[in-house]
Amino acid sequence: MMTESERTRYALAQQLPDMNHGFLIHTSHGDIDILAEESASVIEAVKDVLEHRLSAPVERRRALA
């Protein structure tokens, strides 16, 4: 089982680059299709969140929520 840090590093190394090909955002109200040519700004936002996870302890993130 991976730790939160390991999952986050995996996402940055593997999942985030794969998003360049396009992806779906799944919500309880349906899916949002993000095409490859539309993906850059979403990828950048997700990258910022993931990098913040690595720099902020879990307790601090929970306090900010």
Protein backbone atom coordinates (compact mmCIF):
# COMPACT_ATOMS: atom_id res chain seq x y z
CA MET A 1 0.00 0.00 0.00
CA MET A 2 1.36 3.42 -0.98
CA THR A 3 1.58 6.37 1.35
CA GLU A 4 -0.03 9.70 0.45
CA SER A 5 3.40 11.04 -0.55
CA GLU A 6 4.04 8.07 -2.80
CA ARG A 7 0.61 8.40 -4.42
CA THR A 8 1.22 12.10 -5.00
CA ARG A 9 4.66 11.51 -6.50
CA TYR A 10 3.20 8.80 -8.75
CA ALA A 11 0.48 11.18 -9.90
CA LEU A 12 3.06 13.85 -10.74
CA ALA A 13 5.33 11.41 -12.57
CA GLN A 14 2.80 9.21 -14.39
CA GLN A 15 -0.79 10.42 -14.29
CA LEU A 16 -0.26 14.13 -14.87
CA PRO A 17 1.79 13.67 -18.06
CA ASP A 18 -0.82 11.22 -19.35
CA MET A 19 -3.47 13.93 -19.00
CA ASN A 20 -1.85 15.67 -22.01
CA HIS A 21 -3.75 13.19 -24.18
CA GLY A 22 -7.11 14.37 -22.84
CA PHE A 23 -9.17 12.97 -19.99
CA LEU A 24 -12.57 12.80 -18.32
CA ILE A 25 -13.57 14.53 -15.13
CA HIS A 26 -16.16 12.35 -13.39
CA THR A 27 -18.79 14.04 -11.21
CA SER A 28 -22.03 12.86 -9.65
CA HIS A 29 -23.82 14.92 -12.31
CA GLY A 30 -21.99 13.39 -15.26
CA ASP A 31 -18.66 13.58 -17.05
CA ILE A 32 -16.73 16.51 -18.47
CA ASP A 33 -14.59 15.61 -21.48
CA ILE A 34 -11.31 17.55 -21.61
CA LEU A 35 -9.65 17.29 -25.01
CA ALA A 36 -5.87 17.15 -25.40
CA GLU A 37 -5.73 20.69 -26.79
CA GLU A 38 -7.73 21.96 -23.79
CA SER A 39 -5.78 20.16 -21.09
CA ALA A 40 -2.82 22.49 -20.35
CA SER A 41 -4.51 24.84 -17.87
CA VAL A 42 -6.20 22.01 -15.98
CA ILE A 43 -2.92 20.10 -15.78
CA GLU A 44 -1.15 23.18 -14.40
CA ALA A 45 -3.82 23.63 -11.71
CA VAL A 46 -3.65 19.96 -10.69
CA LYS A 47 0.16 20.11 -10.64
CA ASP A 48 0.00 23.08 -8.24
CA VAL A 49 -2.34 21.16 -5.91
CA LEU A 50 -0.19 18.02 -5.95
CA GLU A 51 3.03 19.94 -5.33
CA HIS A 52 1.34 21.72 -2.42
CA ARG A 53 0.42 18.33 -0.97
CA LEU A 54 4.08 17.36 -0.94
CA SER A 55 5.14 20.58 0.75
CA ALA A 56 2.38 20.83 3.38
CA PRO A 57 1.97 18.34 6.20
CA VAL A 58 -1.40 16.57 6.27
CA GLU A 59 -2.37 18.25 9.55
CA ARG A 60 -1.72 21.70 8.10
CA ARG A 61 -3.78 20.95 4.97
CA ARG A 62 -6.67 19.73 7.12
CA ALA A 63 -6.52 22.94 9.15
CA LEU A 64 -6.77 24.99 5.94
CA ALA A 65 -9.86 23.09 4.75
